[in-house]
Amino acid sequence: MAMRLVLKRGVNMKINFLGFLAAVFITLKLTGYITWSWWLVLAPLWIPFAVVYVAVFILAIILFLGFIMILLADAFGRHR
Protein backbone atom coordinates (compact mmCIF):
# COMPACT_ATOMS: atom_id res chain seq x y z
CA MET A 1 0.00 0.00 0.00
CA ALA A 2 1.62 3.23 -1.14
CA MET A 3 0.48 6.80 -0.76
CA ARG A 4 0.73 8.94 -3.87
CA LEU A 5 1.81 12.57 -3.84
CA VAL A 6 1.20 14.56 -7.02
CA LEU A 7 3.25 17.72 -7.41
CA LYS A 8 2.30 20.76 -9.52
CA ARG A 9 4.13 19.64 -12.65
CA GLY A 10 2.56 16.19 -12.67
CA VAL A 11 5.47 14.38 -11.01
CA ASN A 12 4.20 11.38 -9.09
CA MET A 13 5.97 10.40 -5.90
CA LYS A 14 5.08 7.32 -3.88
CA ILE A 15 5.79 6.75 -0.21
CA ASN A 16 5.17 3.43 1.47
CA PHE A 17 3.78 2.92 4.96
CA LEU A 18 7.18 2.69 6.66
CA GLY A 19 8.39 5.88 4.97
CA PHE A 20 5.24 7.67 6.05
CA LEU A 21 5.64 6.34 9.60
CA ALA A 22 9.26 7.51 9.68
CA ALA A 23 8.21 10.98 8.52
CA VAL A 24 5.56 11.12 11.26
CA PHE A 25 8.05 10.00 13.92
CA ILE A 26 10.66 12.52 12.76
CA THR A 27 8.07 15.31 12.83
CA LEU A 28 6.95 14.32 16.32
CA LYS A 29 10.57 14.14 17.53
CA LEU A 30 11.50 17.54 16.09
CA THR A 31 8.39 19.19 17.56
CA GLY A 32 9.07 17.68 20.99
CA TYR A 33 5.94 15.51 21.26
CA ILE A 34 8.05 12.38 21.72
CA THR A 35 11.38 12.06 23.51
CA TRP A 36 12.44 8.74 21.99
CA SER A 37 16.02 8.14 20.96
CA TRP A 38 16.82 8.72 17.30
CA TRP A 39 17.38 4.95 16.91
CA LEU A 40 13.70 4.37 17.64
CA VAL A 41 12.53 7.34 15.61
CA LEU A 42 14.38 6.06 12.55
CA ALA A 43 13.51 2.40 13.18
CA PRO A 44 10.96 2.22 10.32
CA LEU A 45 13.83 2.97 7.95
CA TRP A 46 16.45 0.52 9.23
CA ILE A 47 14.44 -2.42 10.60
CA PRO A 48 13.53 -3.83 7.14
CA PHE A 49 17.22 -3.86 6.19
CA ALA A 50 18.12 -5.53 9.49
CA VAL A 51 15.50 -8.25 8.93
CA VAL A 52 16.83 -8.97 5.43
CA TYR A 53 20.42 -8.98 6.72
CA VAL A 54 19.59 -11.46 9.48
CA ALA A 55 17.64 -13.69 7.07
CA VAL A 56 20.55 -13.76 4.60
CA PHE A 57 23.00 -14.47 7.43
CA ILE A 58 20.91 -17.40 8.70
CA LEU A 59 20.57 -18.77 5.16
CA ALA A 60 24.34 -18.51 4.69
CA ILE A 61 24.92 -20.45 7.91
CA ILE A 62 22.47 -23.17 6.86
CA LEU A 63 24.11 -23.48 3.44
CA PHE A 64 27.58 -23.54 4.99
CA LEU A 65 26.60 -26.27 7.46
CA GLY A 66 25.03 -28.29 4.64
CA PHE A 67 28.21 -27.96 2.60
CA ILE A 68 30.31 -29.08 5.59
CA MET A 69 28.03 -32.08 6.13
CA ILE A 70 28.43 -33.10 2.47
CA LEU A 71 32.22 -32.77 2.74
CA LEU A 72 32.28 -34.84 5.92
CA ALA A 73 30.06 -37.51 4.39
CA ASP A 74 32.38 -37.72 1.37
CA ALA A 75 35.45 -37.82 3.62
CA PHE A 76 34.09 -40.81 5.55
CA GLY A 77 33.05 -42.62 2.39
CA ARG A 78 29.30 -42.25 2.75
CA HIS A 79 27.94 -41.29 -0.62
CA ARG A 80 24.37 -40.33 -1.34
PDB file of N, CA and C in Angstrom:
ATOM      1  N   MET A   1       0.854  -1.167   0.000  1.00  0.00           N
ATOM      2  CA  MET A   1       0.000   0.000   0.000  1.00  0.00           C
ATOM      3  C   MET A   1       0.901   1.230   0.000  1.00  0.00           C
ATOM      4  N   ALA A   2       0.797   2.038  -1.022  1.00  0.00           N
ATOM      5  CA  ALA A   2       1.617   3.228  -1.139  1.00  0.00           C
ATOM      6  C   ALA A   2       0.726   4.454  -1.248  1.00  0.00           C
ATOM      7  N   MET A   3       1.194   5.536  -0.663  1.00  0.00           N
ATOM      8  CA  MET A   3       0.477   6.802  -0.761  1.00  0.00           C
ATOM      9  C   MET A   3       1.078   7.568  -1.935  1.00  0.00           C
ATOM     10  N   ARG A   4       0.265   8.229  -2.687  1.00  0.00           N
ATOM     11  CA  ARG A   4       0.732   8.942  -3.871  1.00  0.00           C
ATOM     12  C   ARG A   4       0.654  10.442  -3.627  1.00  0.00           C
ATOM     13  N   LEU A   5       1.735  11.120  -3.957  1.00  0.00           N
ATOM     14  CA  LEU A   5       1.813  12.571  -3.838  1.00  0.00           C
ATOM     15  C   LEU A   5       2.014  13.130  -5.242  1.00  0.00           C
ATOM     16  N   VAL A   6       1.110  13.972  -5.683  1.00  0.00           N
ATOM     17  CA  VAL A   6       1.205  14.564  -7.020  1.00  0.00           C
ATOM     18  C   VAL A   6       1.621  16.020  -6.867  1.00  0.00           C
ATOM     19  N   LEU A   7       2.744  16.356  -7.471  1.00  0.00           N
ATOM     20  CA  LEU A   7       3.252  17.720  -7.413  1.00  0.00           C
ATOM     21  C   LEU A   7       2.626  18.558  -8.525  1.00  0.00           C
ATOM     22  N   LYS A   8       2.921  19.848  -8.552  1.00  0.00           N
ATOM     23  CA  LYS A   8       2.302  20.761  -9.516  1.00  0.00           C
ATOM     24  C   LYS A   8       2.579  20.375 -10.961  1.00  0.00           C
ATOM     25  N   ARG A   9       3.764  19.916 -11.258  1.00  0.00           N
ATOM     26  CA  ARG A   9       4.133  19.644 -12.646  1.00  0.00           C
ATOM     27  C   ARG A   9       3.798  18.210 -13.064  1.00  0.00           C
ATOM     28  N   GLY A  10       2.989  17.526 -12.300  1.00  0.00           N
ATOM     29  CA  GLY A  10       2.560  16.194 -12.668  1.00  0.00           C
ATOM     30  C   GLY A  10       3.537  15.092 -12.297  1.00  0.00           C
ATOM     31  N   VAL A  11       4.509  15.389 -11.443  1.00  0.00           N
ATOM     32  CA  VAL A  11       5.468  14.382 -11.014  1.00  0.00           C
ATOM     33  C   VAL A  11       4.823  13.565  -9.904  1.00  0.00           C
ATOM     34  N   ASN A  12       4.779  12.259 -10.099  1.00  0.00           N
ATOM     35  CA  ASN A  12       4.203  11.376  -9.094  1.00  0.00           C
ATOM     36  C   ASN A  12       5.298  10.862  -8.168  1.00  0.00           C
ATOM     37  N   MET A  13       5.050  10.952  -6.882  1.00  0.00           N
ATOM     38  CA  MET A  13       5.968  10.403  -5.896  1.00  0.00           C
ATOM     39  C   MET A  13       5.179   9.459  -5.008  1.00  0.00           C
ATOM     40  N   LYS A  14       5.745   8.273  -4.745  1.00  0.00           N
ATOM     41  CA  LYS A  14       5.079   7.320  -3.875  1.00  0.00           C
ATOM     42  C   LYS A  14       5.874   7.171  -2.592  1.00  0.00           C
ATOM     43  N   ILE A  15       5.165   7.005  -1.503  1.00  0.00           N
ATOM     44  CA  ILE A  15       5.793   6.750  -0.214  1.00  0.00           C
ATOM     45  C   ILE A  15       5.055   5.568   0.407  1.00  0.00           C
ATOM     46  N   ASN A  16       5.810   4.586   0.871  1.00  0.00           N
ATOM     47  CA  ASN A  16       5.169   3.426   1.473  1.00  0.00           C
ATOM     48  C   ASN A  16       4.850   3.702   2.939  1.00  0.00           C
ATOM     49  N   PHE A  17       4.232   2.734   3.591  1.00  0.00           N
ATOM     50  CA  PHE A  17       3.777   2.923   4.962  1.00  0.00           C
ATOM     51  C   PHE A  17       4.941   3.208   5.903  1.00  0.00           C
ATOM     52  N   LEU A  18       6.052   2.478   5.752  1.00  0.00           N
ATOM     53  CA  LEU A  18       7.181   2.687   6.659  1.00  0.00           C
ATOM     54  C   LEU A  18       7.820   4.057   6.454  1.00  0.00           C
ATOM     55  N   GLY A  19       7.876   4.530   5.221  1.00  0.00           N
ATOM     56  CA  GLY A  19       8.390   5.877   4.966  1.00  0.00           C
ATOM     57  C   GLY A  19       7.500   6.945   5.575  1.00  0.00           C
ATOM     58  N   PHE A  20       6.189   6.736   5.445  1.00  0.00           N
ATOM     59  CA  PHE A  20       5.238   7.668   6.052  1.00  0.00           C
ATOM     60  C   PHE A  20       5.365   7.661   7.569  1.00  0.00           C
ATOM     61  N   LEU A  21       5.493   6.461   8.153  1.00  0.00           N
ATOM     62  CA  LEU A  21       5.640   6.340   9.603  1.00  0.00           C
ATOM     63  C   LEU A  21       6.922   7.017  10.082  1.00  0.00           C
ATOM     64  N   ALA A  22       8.000   6.850   9.327  1.00  0.00           N
ATOM     65  CA  ALA A  22       9.261   7.515   9.683  1.00  0.00           C
ATOM     66  C   ALA A  22       9.103   9.029   9.636  1.00  0.00           C
ATOM     67  N   ALA A  23       8.420   9.533   8.618  1.00  0.00           N
ATOM     68  CA  ALA A  23       8.206  10.981   8.519  1.00  0.00           C
ATOM     69  C   ALA A  23       7.387  11.491   9.695  1.00  0.00           C
ATOM     70  N   VAL A  24       6.373  10.728  10.101  1.00  0.00           N
ATOM     71  CA  VAL A  24       5.557  11.122  11.256  1.00  0.00           C
ATOM     72  C   VAL A  24       6.407  11.132  12.518  1.00  0.00           C
ATOM     73  N   PHE A  25       7.197  10.070  12.726  1.00  0.00           N
ATOM     74  CA  PHE A  25       8.052   9.997  13.921  1.00  0.00           C
ATOM     75  C   PHE A  25       9.076  11.127  13.955  1.00  0.00           C
ATOM     76  N   ILE A  26       9.674  11.429  12.802  1.00  0.00           N
ATOM     77  CA  ILE A  26      10.662  12.520  12.756  1.00  0.00           C
ATOM     78  C   ILE A  26       9.999  13.846  13.083  1.00  0.00           C
ATOM     79  N   THR A  27       8.808  14.071  12.545  1.00  0.00           N
ATOM     80  CA  THR A  27       8.075  15.307  12.834  1.00  0.00           C
ATOM     81  C   THR A  27       7.755  15.413  14.316  1.00  0.00           C
ATOM     82  N   LEU A  28       7.276  14.311  14.892  1.00  0.00           N
ATOM     83  CA  LEU A  28       6.952  14.324  16.318  1.00  0.00           C
ATOM     84  C   LEU A  28       8.197  14.542  17.180  1.00  0.00           C
ATOM     85  N   LYS A  29       9.319  13.960  16.777  1.00  0.00           N
ATOM     86  CA  LYS A  29      10.567  14.142  17.530  1.00  0.00           C
ATOM     87  C   LYS A  29      11.043  15.597  17.456  1.00  0.00           C
ATOM     88  N   LEU A  30      11.012  16.168  16.254  1.00  0.00           N
ATOM     89  CA  LEU A  30      11.497  17.543  16.094  1.00  0.00           C
ATOM     90  C   LEU A  30      10.597  18.566  16.765  1.00  0.00           C
ATOM     91  N   THR A  31       9.304  18.255  16.883  1.00  0.00           N
ATOM     92  CA  THR A  31       8.393  19.188  17.559  1.00  0.00           C
ATOM     93  C   THR A  31       8.331  18.959  19.061  1.00  0.00           C
ATOM     94  N   GLY A  32       8.992  17.911  19.541  1.00  0.00           N
ATOM     95  CA  GLY A  32       9.069  17.676  20.987  1.00  0.00           C
ATOM     96  C   GLY A  32       7.924  16.868  21.569  1.00  0.00           C
ATOM     97  N   TYR A  33       7.054  16.313  20.737  1.00  0.00           N
ATOM     98  CA  TYR A  33       5.944  15.512  21.256  1.00  0.00           C
ATOM     99  C   TYR A  33       6.398  14.150  21.764  1.00  0.00           C
ATOM    100  N   ILE A  34       7.493  13.635  21.224  1.00  0.00           N
ATOM    101  CA  ILE A  34       8.052  12.384  21.724  1.00  0.00           C
ATOM    102  C   ILE A  34       9.512  12.623  22.085  1.00  0.00           C
ATOM    103  N   THR A  35       9.989  11.903  23.065  1.00  0.00           N
ATOM    104  CA  THR A  35      11.377  12.059  23.515  1.00  0.00           C
ATOM    105  C   THR A  35      12.163  10.773  23.281  1.00  0.00           C
ATOM    106  N   TRP A  36      11.757  10.003  22.296  1.00  0.00           N
ATOM    107  CA  TRP A  36      12.442   8.743  21.991  1.00  0.00           C
ATOM    108  C   TRP A  36      13.848   9.029  21.483  1.00  0.00           C
ATOM    109  N   SER A  37      14.689   8.005  21.549  1.00  0.00           N
ATOM    110  CA  SER A  37      16.015   8.137  20.959  1.00  0.00           C
ATOM    111  C   SER A  37      15.864   8.136  19.434  1.00  0.00           C
ATOM    112  N   TRP A  38      16.877   8.657  18.760  1.00  0.00           N
ATOM    113  CA  TRP A  38      16.816   8.718  17.302  1.00  0.00           C
ATOM    114  C   TRP A  38      16.834   7.314  16.688  1.00  0.00           C
ATOM    115  N   TRP A  39      17.405   6.335  17.401  1.00  0.00           N
ATOM    116  CA  TRP A  39      17.380   4.953  16.914  1.00  0.00           C
ATOM    117  C   TRP A  39      15.941   4.470  16.765  1.00  0.00           C
ATOM    118  N   LEU A  40      15.097   4.779  17.728  1.00  0.00           N
ATOM    119  CA  LEU A  40      13.696   4.375  17.644  1.00  0.00           C
ATOM    120  C   LEU A  40      12.918   5.200  16.632  1.00  0.00           C
ATOM    121  N   VAL A  41      13.230   6.469  16.560  1.00  0.00           N
ATOM    122  CA  VAL A  41      12.525   7.339  15.610  1.00  0.00           C
ATOM    123  C   VAL A  41      12.786   6.877  14.179  1.00  0.00           C
ATOM    124  N   LEU A  42      14.016   6.485  13.898  1.00  0.00           N
ATOM    125  CA  LEU A  42      14.381   6.064  12.548  1.00  0.00           C
ATOM    126  C   LEU A  42      14.219   4.563  12.321  1.00  0.00           C
ATOM    127  N   ALA A  43      13.676   3.852  13.291  1.00  0.00           N
ATOM    128  CA  ALA A  43      13.506   2.397  13.176  1.00  0.00           C
ATOM    129  C   ALA A  43      12.710   1.962  11.948  1.00  0.00           C
ATOM    130  N   PRO A  44      11.657   2.669  11.541  1.00  0.00           N
ATOM    131  CA  PRO A  44      10.956   2.222  10.323  1.00  0.00           C
ATOM    132  C   PRO A  44      11.842   2.217   9.071  1.00  0.00           C
ATOM    133  N   LEU A  45      12.937   2.942   9.103  1.00  0.00           N
ATOM    134  CA  LEU A  45      13.831   2.968   7.948  1.00  0.00           C
ATOM    135  C   LEU A  45      14.872   1.861   7.983  1.00  0.00           C
ATOM    136  N   TRP A  46      15.372   1.499   9.178  1.00  0.00           N
ATOM    137  CA  TRP A  46      16.451   0.524   9.232  1.00  0.00           C
ATOM    138  C   TRP A  46      16.011  -0.888   9.599  1.00  0.00           C
ATOM    139  N   ILE A  47      14.869  -1.070  10.207  1.00  0.00           N
ATOM    140  CA  ILE A  47      14.444  -2.418  10.600  1.00  0.00           C
ATOM    141  C   ILE A  47      14.248  -3.346   9.387  1.00  0.00           C
ATOM    142  N   PRO A  48      13.641  -2.911   8.287  1.00  0.00           N
ATOM    143  CA  PRO A  48      13.527  -3.833   7.145  1.00  0.00           C
ATOM    144  C   PRO A  48      14.892  -4.324   6.635  1.00  0.00           C
ATOM    145  N   PHE A  49      15.883  -3.448   6.613  1.00  0.00           N
ATOM    146  CA  PHE A  49      17.222  -3.862   6.189  1.00  0.00           C
ATOM    147  C   PHE A  49      17.832  -4.846   7.178  1.00  0.00           C
ATOM    148  N   ALA A  50      17.598  -4.627   8.468  1.00  0.00           N
ATOM    149  CA  ALA A  50      18.124  -5.533   9.486  1.00  0.00           C
ATOM    150  C   ALA A  50      17.481  -6.914   9.362  1.00  0.00           C
ATOM    151  N   VAL A  51      16.194  -6.966   9.088  1.00  0.00           N
ATOM    152  CA  VAL A  51      15.504  -8.251   8.934  1.00  0.00           C
ATOM    153  C   VAL A  51      16.068  -9.011   7.732  1.00  0.00           C
ATOM    154  N   VAL A  52      16.267  -8.324   6.624  1.00  0.00           N
ATOM    155  CA  VAL A  52      16.833  -8.968   5.431  1.00  0.00           C
ATOM    156  C   VAL A  52      18.253  -9.437   5.712  1.00  0.00           C
ATOM    157  N   TYR A  53      19.043  -8.620   6.385  1.00  0.00           N
ATOM    158  CA  TYR A  53      20.423  -8.980   6.716  1.00  0.00           C
ATOM    159  C   TYR A  53      20.467 -10.231   7.585  1.00  0.00           C
ATOM    160  N   VAL A  54      19.624 -10.293   8.599  1.00  0.00           N
ATOM    161  CA  VAL A  54      19.587 -11.462   9.483  1.00  0.00           C
ATOM    162  C   VAL A  54      19.132 -12.699   8.716  1.00  0.00           C
ATOM    163  N   ALA A  55      18.129 -12.554   7.857  1.00  0.00           N
ATOM    164  CA  ALA A  55      17.642 -13.694   7.073  1.00  0.00           C
ATOM    165  C   ALA A  55      18.736 -14.220   6.140  1.00  0.00           C
ATOM    166  N   VAL A  56      19.461 -13.336   5.489  1.00  0.00           N
ATOM    167  CA  VAL A  56      20.554 -13.759   4.604  1.00  0.00           C
ATOM    168  C   VAL A  56      21.663 -14.414   5.409  1.00  0.00           C
ATOM    169  N   PHE A  57      21.963 -13.898   6.580  1.00  0.00           N
ATOM    170  CA  PHE A  57      22.996 -14.472   7.434  1.00  0.00           C
ATOM    171  C   PHE A  57      22.610 -15.879   7.882  1.00  0.00           C
ATOM    172  N   ILE A  58      21.369 -16.082   8.281  1.00  0.00           N
ATOM    173  CA  ILE A  58      20.905 -17.402   8.700  1.00  0.00           C
ATOM    174  C   ILE A  58      20.933 -18.368   7.518  1.00  0.00           C
ATOM    175  N   LEU A  59      20.519 -17.922   6.349  1.00  0.00           N
ATOM    176  CA  LEU A  59      20.567 -18.766   5.158  1.00  0.00           C
ATOM    177  C   LEU A  59      22.004 -19.151   4.824  1.00  0.00           C
ATOM    178  N   ALA A  60      22.931 -18.219   4.954  1.00  0.00           N
ATOM    179  CA  ALA A  60      24.335 -18.514   4.687  1.00  0.00           C
ATOM    180  C   ALA A  60      24.871 -19.554   5.666  1.00  0.00           C
ATOM    181  N   ILE A  61      24.481 -19.459   6.923  1.00  0.00           N
ATOM    182  CA  ILE A  61      24.919 -20.446   7.911  1.00  0.00           C
ATOM    183  C   ILE A  61      24.359 -21.824   7.571  1.00  0.00           C
ATOM    184  N   ILE A  62      23.084 -21.884   7.205  1.00  0.00           N
ATOM    185  CA  ILE A  62      22.465 -23.171   6.856  1.00  0.00           C
ATOM    186  C   ILE A  62      23.159 -23.780   5.645  1.00  0.00           C
ATOM    187  N   LEU A  63      23.425 -22.973   4.622  1.00  0.00           N
ATOM    188  CA  LEU A  63      24.113 -23.483   3.437  1.00  0.00           C
ATOM    189  C   LEU A  63      25.532 -23.930   3.756  1.00  0.00           C
ATOM    190  N   PHE A  64      26.217 -23.181   4.597  1.00  0.00           N
ATOM    191  CA  PHE A  64      27.578 -23.538   4.989  1.00  0.00           C
ATOM    192  C   PHE A  64      27.585 -24.859   5.754  1.00  0.00           C
ATOM    193  N   LEU A  65      26.662 -25.020   6.691  1.00  0.00           N
ATOM    194  CA  LEU A  65      26.605 -26.267   7.457  1.00  0.00           C
ATOM    195  C   LEU A  65      26.244 -27.448   6.557  1.00  0.00           C
ATOM    196  N   GLY A  66      25.355 -27.230   5.596  1.00  0.00           N
ATOM    197  CA  GLY A  66      25.029 -28.285   4.641  1.00  0.00           C
ATOM    198  C   GLY A  66      26.229 -28.680   3.807  1.00  0.00           C
ATOM    199  N   PHE A  67      27.003 -27.691   3.374  1.00  0.00           N
ATOM    200  CA  PHE A  67      28.211 -27.962   2.603  1.00  0.00           C
ATOM    201  C   PHE A  67      29.220 -28.741   3.438  1.00  0.00           C
ATOM    202  N   ILE A  68      29.399 -28.371   4.694  1.00  0.00           N
ATOM    203  CA  ILE A  68      30.311 -29.078   5.590  1.00  0.00           C
ATOM    204  C   ILE A  68      29.852 -30.520   5.791  1.00  0.00           C
ATOM    205  N   MET A  69      28.549 -30.725   5.948  1.00  0.00           N
ATOM    206  CA  MET A  69      28.031 -32.082   6.129  1.00  0.00           C
ATOM    207  C   MET A  69      28.294 -32.935   4.891  1.00  0.00           C
ATOM    208  N   ILE A  70      28.147 -32.359   3.694  1.00  0.00           N
ATOM    209  CA  ILE A  70      28.429 -33.099   2.469  1.00  0.00           C
ATOM    210  C   ILE A  70      29.913 -33.444   2.397  1.00  0.00           C
ATOM    211  N   LEU A  71      30.782 -32.491   2.749  1.00  0.00           N
ATOM    212  CA  LEU A  71      32.219 -32.766   2.735  1.00  0.00           C
ATOM    213  C   LEU A  71      32.584 -33.857   3.731  1.00  0.00           C
ATOM    214  N   LEU A  72      31.996 -33.813   4.922  1.00  0.00           N
ATOM    215  CA  LEU A  72      32.278 -34.837   5.918  1.00  0.00           C
ATOM    216  C   LEU A  72      31.760 -36.205   5.482  1.00  0.00           C
ATOM    217  N   ALA A  73      30.601 -36.239   4.865  1.00  0.00           N
ATOM    218  CA  ALA A  73      30.061 -37.506   4.386  1.00  0.00           C
ATOM    219  C   ALA A  73      30.953 -38.085   3.301  1.00  0.00           C
ATOM    220  N   ASP A  74      31.466 -37.249   2.412  1.00  0.00           N
ATOM    221  CA  ASP A  74      32.382 -37.724   1.372  1.00  0.00           C
ATOM    222  C   ASP A  74      33.712 -38.169   1.975  1.00  0.00           C
ATOM    223  N   ALA A  75      34.175 -37.461   2.991  1.00  0.00           N
ATOM    224  CA  ALA A  75      35.445 -37.816   3.620  1.00  0.00           C
ATOM    225  C   ALA A  75      35.374 -39.160   4.326  1.00  0.00           C
ATOM    226  N   PHE A  76      34.242 -39.533   4.864  1.00  0.00           N
ATOM    227  CA  PHE A  76      34.088 -40.812   5.551  1.00  0.00           C
ATOM    228  C   PHE A  76      33.548 -41.896   4.644  1.00  0.00           C
ATOM    229  N   GLY A  77      33.440 -41.616   3.350  1.00  0.00           N
ATOM    230  CA  GLY A  77      33.053 -42.623   2.387  1.00  0.00           C
ATOM    231  C   GLY A  77      31.584 -42.889   2.292  1.00  0.00           C
ATOM    232  N   ARG A  78      30.746 -42.070   2.845  1.00  0.00           N
ATOM    233  CA  ARG A  78      29.300 -42.253   2.747  1.00  0.00           C
ATOM    234  C   ARG A  78      28.785 -41.394   1.596  1.00  0.00           C
ATOM    235  N   HIS A  79      28.439 -42.035   0.536  1.00  0.00           N
ATOM    236  CA  HIS A  79      27.939 -41.292  -0.623  1.00  0.00           C
ATOM    237  C   HIS A  79      26.424 -41.371  -0.658  1.00  0.00           C
ATOM    238  N   ARG A  80      25.833 -40.365  -1.253  1.00  0.00           N
ATOM    239  CA  ARG A  80      24.375 -40.334  -1.336  1.00  0.00           C
ATOM    240  C   ARG A  80      23.861 -41.308  -2.327  1.00  0.00           C
TER     241      ARG A  80
END
